[in-house]
């Protein structure tokens, strides 16, 4: 079942989470993704890029969810100047895996969830 078909997904603050479905093989986060679930649905591998604060000024504390809704494994990539802290890899483990990105400083994010 794809995330977009699941009703009433709630964020950390209890509000409903909107979905931004991406069908391509590359995507760079935009300010409108704050608090959303970015669902990547391509059958091929997908690269999701976290831009630097100088390009997209997300507030510290911003949370963005990333789901592998298709067969293509999602790799979260840091643009120049961005640090992504993680326990394992920057890739989703399997279809339906969900990761969360939390901005902890100006150009630093923490990645957690069902990583490979």
N, C-alpha and C. Protein backbone atom coordinates (compact mmCIF):
# COMPACT_ATOMS: atom_id res chain seq x y z
N UNK A 1 0.84 -1.17 0.00
CA UNK A 1 0.00 0.00 0.00
C UNK A 1 0.89 1.23 0.00
N UNK A 2 0.63 2.17 -0.88
CA UNK A 2 1.42 3.40 -0.95
C UNK A 2 1.01 4.36 0.15
N UNK A 3 1.97 5.15 0.60
CA UNK A 3 1.70 6.12 1.67
C UNK A 3 0.59 7.07 1.31
N UNK A 4 0.49 7.46 0.06
CA UNK A 4 -0.53 8.43 -0.32
C UNK A 4 -1.94 7.87 -0.14
N UNK A 5 -2.07 6.56 -0.04
CA UNK A 5 -3.39 5.98 0.15
C UNK A 5 -3.72 5.74 1.61
N UNK A 6 -2.78 6.02 2.50
CA UNK A 6 -3.01 5.86 3.92
C UNK A 6 -3.57 7.17 4.46
N UNK A 7 -4.69 7.12 5.13
CA UNK A 7 -5.30 8.35 5.63
C UNK A 7 -4.75 8.76 6.98
N UNK A 8 -4.85 10.05 7.26
CA UNK A 8 -4.57 10.62 8.57
C UNK A 8 -3.18 10.33 9.12
N UNK A 9 -2.16 10.53 8.32
CA UNK A 9 -0.79 10.44 8.81
C UNK A 9 -0.52 11.71 9.61
N UNK A 10 -0.01 11.57 10.83
CA UNK A 10 0.21 12.74 11.68
C UNK A 10 1.68 12.96 11.93
N UNK A 11 2.06 14.23 11.98
CA UNK A 11 3.43 14.63 12.26
C UNK A 11 3.70 14.63 13.76
N UNK A 12 4.91 15.05 14.13
CA UNK A 12 5.31 15.04 15.53
C UNK A 12 4.47 15.99 16.37
N UNK A 13 3.87 17.02 15.77
CA UNK A 13 3.04 17.95 16.53
C UNK A 13 1.57 17.55 16.53
N UNK A 14 1.24 16.41 15.94
CA UNK A 14 -0.13 15.92 15.92
C UNK A 14 -0.94 16.40 14.73
N UNK A 15 -0.39 17.31 13.93
CA UNK A 15 -1.13 17.80 12.77
C UNK A 15 -1.02 16.79 11.62
N UNK A 16 -1.99 16.85 10.73
CA UNK A 16 -1.97 15.95 9.58
C UNK A 16 -0.81 16.31 8.66
N UNK A 17 -0.20 15.29 8.08
CA UNK A 17 0.96 15.47 7.20
C UNK A 17 0.49 15.42 5.75
N UNK A 18 0.81 16.45 4.99
CA UNK A 18 0.50 16.48 3.56
C UNK A 18 1.57 15.67 2.82
N UNK A 19 1.22 15.20 1.64
CA UNK A 19 2.15 14.40 0.83
C UNK A 19 2.55 15.16 -0.42
N UNK A 20 3.83 15.11 -0.74
CA UNK A 20 4.38 15.65 -1.98
C UNK A 20 4.92 14.44 -2.75
N UNK A 21 4.18 13.96 -3.73
CA UNK A 21 4.59 12.78 -4.50
C UNK A 21 5.55 13.20 -5.61
N UNK A 22 6.70 12.52 -5.67
CA UNK A 22 7.72 12.77 -6.67
C UNK A 22 7.90 11.51 -7.51
N UNK A 23 7.78 11.66 -8.84
CA UNK A 23 7.84 10.50 -9.73
C UNK A 23 9.15 10.38 -10.50
N UNK A 24 10.01 11.39 -10.40
CA UNK A 24 11.28 11.38 -11.14
C UNK A 24 12.37 10.62 -10.41
N UNK A 25 13.59 10.72 -10.93
CA UNK A 25 14.73 10.04 -10.32
C UNK A 25 15.61 10.99 -9.52
N UNK A 26 15.30 12.29 -9.55
CA UNK A 26 16.01 13.26 -8.72
C UNK A 26 15.00 14.25 -8.18
N UNK A 27 15.27 14.76 -6.99
CA UNK A 27 14.42 15.79 -6.39
C UNK A 27 15.25 16.53 -5.35
N UNK A 28 15.14 17.85 -5.35
CA UNK A 28 15.78 18.68 -4.33
C UNK A 28 14.68 19.29 -3.47
N UNK A 29 14.84 19.18 -2.18
CA UNK A 29 13.84 19.69 -1.25
C UNK A 29 13.62 21.19 -1.45
N UNK A 30 12.37 21.62 -1.27
CA UNK A 30 11.98 23.02 -1.34
C UNK A 30 11.30 23.40 -0.03
N UNK A 31 11.19 24.70 0.23
CA UNK A 31 10.63 25.18 1.48
C UNK A 31 9.23 24.62 1.75
N UNK A 32 8.47 24.39 0.70
CA UNK A 32 7.12 23.84 0.84
C UNK A 32 7.09 22.41 1.35
N UNK A 33 8.24 21.73 1.42
CA UNK A 33 8.29 20.35 1.92
C UNK A 33 8.31 20.27 3.44
N UNK A 34 8.48 21.41 4.11
CA UNK A 34 8.52 21.44 5.58
C UNK A 34 7.28 20.74 6.14
N UNK A 35 7.52 19.75 6.98
CA UNK A 35 6.43 19.03 7.63
C UNK A 35 5.69 18.04 6.75
N UNK A 36 6.12 17.87 5.52
CA UNK A 36 5.43 16.97 4.60
C UNK A 36 6.12 15.61 4.49
N UNK A 37 5.40 14.69 3.87
CA UNK A 37 5.93 13.40 3.47
C UNK A 37 6.26 13.50 1.99
N UNK A 38 7.53 13.41 1.64
CA UNK A 38 7.94 13.39 0.23
C UNK A 38 7.97 11.91 -0.17
N UNK A 39 7.01 11.53 -0.98
CA UNK A 39 6.90 10.14 -1.40
C UNK A 39 7.52 9.96 -2.77
N UNK A 40 8.57 9.16 -2.85
CA UNK A 40 9.30 8.92 -4.09
C UNK A 40 8.80 7.61 -4.69
N UNK A 41 8.23 7.70 -5.90
CA UNK A 41 7.50 6.55 -6.44
C UNK A 41 8.08 5.95 -7.72
N UNK A 42 9.30 6.32 -8.08
CA UNK A 42 9.89 5.80 -9.31
C UNK A 42 10.32 4.35 -9.13
N UNK A 43 10.35 3.60 -10.23
CA UNK A 43 10.83 2.22 -10.19
C UNK A 43 12.35 2.15 -10.19
N UNK A 44 13.00 3.24 -10.63
CA UNK A 44 14.47 3.32 -10.66
C UNK A 44 14.96 4.04 -9.40
N UNK A 45 16.26 3.95 -9.14
CA UNK A 45 16.87 4.61 -7.98
C UNK A 45 16.60 6.11 -8.02
N UNK A 46 16.43 6.71 -6.85
CA UNK A 46 16.07 8.12 -6.71
C UNK A 46 17.07 8.81 -5.80
N UNK A 47 17.50 10.00 -6.18
CA UNK A 47 18.36 10.82 -5.33
C UNK A 47 17.57 12.03 -4.86
N UNK A 48 17.43 12.16 -3.54
CA UNK A 48 16.76 13.29 -2.93
C UNK A 48 17.83 14.16 -2.28
N UNK A 49 17.96 15.40 -2.73
CA UNK A 49 19.03 16.28 -2.26
C UNK A 49 18.53 17.27 -1.22
N UNK A 50 19.31 17.40 -0.15
CA UNK A 50 19.06 18.39 0.88
C UNK A 50 19.90 19.62 0.53
N UNK A 51 19.25 20.75 0.21
CA UNK A 51 19.99 21.94 -0.22
C UNK A 51 20.60 22.69 0.96
N UNK A 52 21.60 23.53 0.70
CA UNK A 52 22.18 24.33 1.77
C UNK A 52 21.21 25.43 2.22
N UNK A 53 21.41 25.90 3.43
CA UNK A 53 20.57 26.96 3.99
C UNK A 53 20.61 28.22 3.12
N UNK A 54 21.71 28.46 2.44
CA UNK A 54 21.81 29.65 1.57
C UNK A 54 20.86 29.57 0.38
N UNK A 55 20.44 28.37 0.00
CA UNK A 55 19.50 28.19 -1.11
C UNK A 55 18.06 28.07 -0.63
N UNK A 56 17.86 27.27 0.43
CA UNK A 56 16.52 27.05 1.00
C UNK A 56 16.67 27.14 2.51
N UNK A 57 16.12 28.19 3.09
CA UNK A 57 16.32 28.46 4.52
C UNK A 57 15.23 27.82 5.38
N UNK A 58 15.31 26.50 5.52
CA UNK A 58 14.42 25.81 6.46
C UNK A 58 14.79 26.27 7.87
N UNK A 59 13.80 26.40 8.73
CA UNK A 59 14.06 26.75 10.13
C UNK A 59 14.68 25.55 10.84
N UNK A 60 15.55 25.82 11.80
CA UNK A 60 16.06 24.74 12.64
C UNK A 60 14.86 24.11 13.34
N UNK A 61 14.82 22.80 13.36
CA UNK A 61 13.69 22.07 13.92
C UNK A 61 12.72 21.55 12.87
N UNK A 62 12.92 21.94 11.61
CA UNK A 62 12.07 21.45 10.53
C UNK A 62 12.18 19.93 10.42
N UNK A 63 11.05 19.28 10.20
CA UNK A 63 11.01 17.83 9.99
C UNK A 63 10.43 17.58 8.60
N UNK A 64 11.08 16.71 7.84
CA UNK A 64 10.60 16.29 6.53
C UNK A 64 10.70 14.77 6.49
N UNK A 65 9.61 14.12 6.11
CA UNK A 65 9.59 12.66 5.99
C UNK A 65 9.84 12.28 4.53
N UNK A 66 10.53 11.18 4.32
CA UNK A 66 10.84 10.68 2.97
C UNK A 66 10.42 9.22 2.92
N UNK A 67 9.60 8.87 1.93
CA UNK A 67 9.14 7.49 1.78
C UNK A 67 9.56 6.92 0.44
N UNK A 68 9.93 5.65 0.45
CA UNK A 68 10.18 4.93 -0.80
C UNK A 68 8.87 4.26 -1.18
N UNK A 69 8.07 4.96 -1.99
CA UNK A 69 6.77 4.45 -2.39
C UNK A 69 6.81 3.54 -3.59
N UNK A 70 7.92 3.54 -4.32
CA UNK A 70 8.08 2.69 -5.49
C UNK A 70 9.22 1.72 -5.29
N UNK A 71 9.58 1.03 -6.35
CA UNK A 71 10.66 0.04 -6.25
C UNK A 71 12.04 0.68 -6.15
N UNK A 72 12.18 1.92 -6.60
CA UNK A 72 13.47 2.60 -6.61
C UNK A 72 13.92 3.03 -5.22
N UNK A 73 15.10 2.56 -4.83
CA UNK A 73 15.66 2.93 -3.53
C UNK A 73 15.99 4.42 -3.52
N UNK A 74 15.67 5.09 -2.41
CA UNK A 74 15.90 6.53 -2.28
C UNK A 74 17.22 6.76 -1.54
N UNK A 75 18.10 7.56 -2.15
CA UNK A 75 19.33 7.98 -1.50
C UNK A 75 19.20 9.45 -1.15
N UNK A 76 19.41 9.79 0.12
CA UNK A 76 19.39 11.18 0.56
C UNK A 76 20.81 11.72 0.40
N UNK A 77 20.94 12.79 -0.38
CA UNK A 77 22.25 13.37 -0.68
C UNK A 77 22.35 14.76 -0.07
N UNK A 78 23.52 15.07 0.45
CA UNK A 78 23.78 16.40 1.00
C UNK A 78 24.40 17.28 -0.08
N UNK A 79 23.79 18.44 -0.35
CA UNK A 79 24.40 19.39 -1.27
C UNK A 79 25.66 19.95 -0.62
N UNK A 80 26.48 20.64 -1.39
CA UNK A 80 27.73 21.21 -0.88
C UNK A 80 27.45 22.05 0.36
N UNK A 81 28.21 21.79 1.41
CA UNK A 81 28.09 22.54 2.65
C UNK A 81 27.10 21.97 3.65
N UNK A 82 26.37 20.94 3.26
CA UNK A 82 25.36 20.33 4.13
C UNK A 82 25.92 19.07 4.78
N UNK A 83 25.66 18.89 6.07
CA UNK A 83 26.04 17.68 6.79
C UNK A 83 24.78 16.94 7.18
N UNK A 84 24.76 15.63 6.88
CA UNK A 84 23.65 14.78 7.31
C UNK A 84 24.20 13.74 8.26
N UNK A 85 23.78 13.80 9.51
CA UNK A 85 24.22 12.83 10.51
C UNK A 85 23.25 11.66 10.47
N UNK A 86 23.84 10.44 10.53
CA UNK A 86 23.01 9.24 10.45
C UNK A 86 23.69 8.10 11.16
N UNK A 87 22.90 7.09 11.53
CA UNK A 87 23.44 5.91 12.22
C UNK A 87 23.95 4.87 11.23
N UNK A 88 23.31 4.78 10.07
CA UNK A 88 23.73 3.76 9.11
C UNK A 88 23.94 4.41 7.75
N UNK A 89 23.11 4.14 6.78
CA UNK A 89 23.31 4.66 5.43
C UNK A 89 22.36 5.83 5.15
N UNK A 90 22.51 6.39 3.99
CA UNK A 90 21.64 7.48 3.52
C UNK A 90 20.57 6.95 2.57
N UNK A 91 20.31 5.64 2.61
CA UNK A 91 19.36 5.02 1.68
C UNK A 91 18.21 4.36 2.42
N UNK A 92 17.04 4.38 1.77
CA UNK A 92 15.92 3.61 2.31
C UNK A 92 16.25 2.13 2.19
N UNK A 93 15.68 1.33 3.07
CA UNK A 93 15.96 -0.10 3.08
C UNK A 93 15.19 -0.84 1.99
N UNK A 94 13.90 -0.49 1.83
CA UNK A 94 13.04 -1.24 0.90
C UNK A 94 11.80 -0.40 0.57
N UNK A 95 11.02 -0.88 -0.38
CA UNK A 95 9.77 -0.21 -0.69
C UNK A 95 8.93 -0.12 0.58
N UNK A 96 8.32 1.03 0.81
CA UNK A 96 7.52 1.40 1.99
C UNK A 96 8.37 1.86 3.18
N UNK A 97 9.70 1.87 3.04
CA UNK A 97 10.55 2.43 4.10
C UNK A 97 10.30 3.93 4.21
N UNK A 98 10.39 4.44 5.43
CA UNK A 98 10.22 5.87 5.67
C UNK A 98 11.40 6.37 6.49
N UNK A 99 11.94 7.52 6.07
CA UNK A 99 13.01 8.19 6.79
C UNK A 99 12.49 9.54 7.25
N UNK A 100 13.10 10.10 8.28
CA UNK A 100 12.78 11.45 8.73
C UNK A 100 14.06 12.27 8.75
N UNK A 101 13.99 13.46 8.21
CA UNK A 101 15.08 14.42 8.25
C UNK A 101 14.69 15.52 9.23
N UNK A 102 15.58 15.83 10.17
CA UNK A 102 15.34 16.90 11.14
C UNK A 102 16.50 17.87 11.06
N UNK A 103 16.20 19.14 10.84
CA UNK A 103 17.25 20.16 10.76
C UNK A 103 17.66 20.55 12.18
N UNK A 104 18.93 20.35 12.50
CA UNK A 104 19.42 20.59 13.87
C UNK A 104 20.31 21.82 13.98
N UNK A 105 20.80 22.35 12.87
CA UNK A 105 21.62 23.57 12.85
C UNK A 105 21.54 24.14 11.44
N UNK A 106 22.20 25.24 11.19
CA UNK A 106 22.07 25.96 9.91
C UNK A 106 22.20 25.05 8.69
N UNK A 107 23.22 24.24 8.62
CA UNK A 107 23.41 23.32 7.50
C UNK A 107 23.61 21.89 7.96
N UNK A 108 22.99 21.54 9.07
CA UNK A 108 23.12 20.19 9.62
C UNK A 108 21.73 19.58 9.82
N UNK A 109 21.62 18.35 9.35
CA UNK A 109 20.37 17.58 9.46
C UNK A 109 20.68 16.24 10.09
N UNK A 110 19.70 15.65 10.75
CA UNK A 110 19.81 14.30 11.29
C UNK A 110 18.82 13.44 10.51
N UNK A 111 19.29 12.26 10.06
CA UNK A 111 18.46 11.32 9.30
C UNK A 111 18.20 10.11 10.16
N UNK A 112 16.95 9.71 10.27
CA UNK A 112 16.60 8.53 11.07
C UNK A 112 15.48 7.78 10.38
N UNK A 113 15.33 6.53 10.73
CA UNK A 113 14.24 5.74 10.18
C UNK A 113 14.71 4.42 9.60
N UNK A 114 13.95 3.91 8.65
CA UNK A 114 14.17 2.58 8.09
C UNK A 114 15.20 2.65 6.96
N UNK A 115 16.47 2.84 7.36
CA UNK A 115 17.57 2.96 6.41
C UNK A 115 18.20 1.59 6.15
N UNK A 116 18.85 1.48 4.98
CA UNK A 116 19.51 0.22 4.60
C UNK A 116 20.71 -0.04 5.50
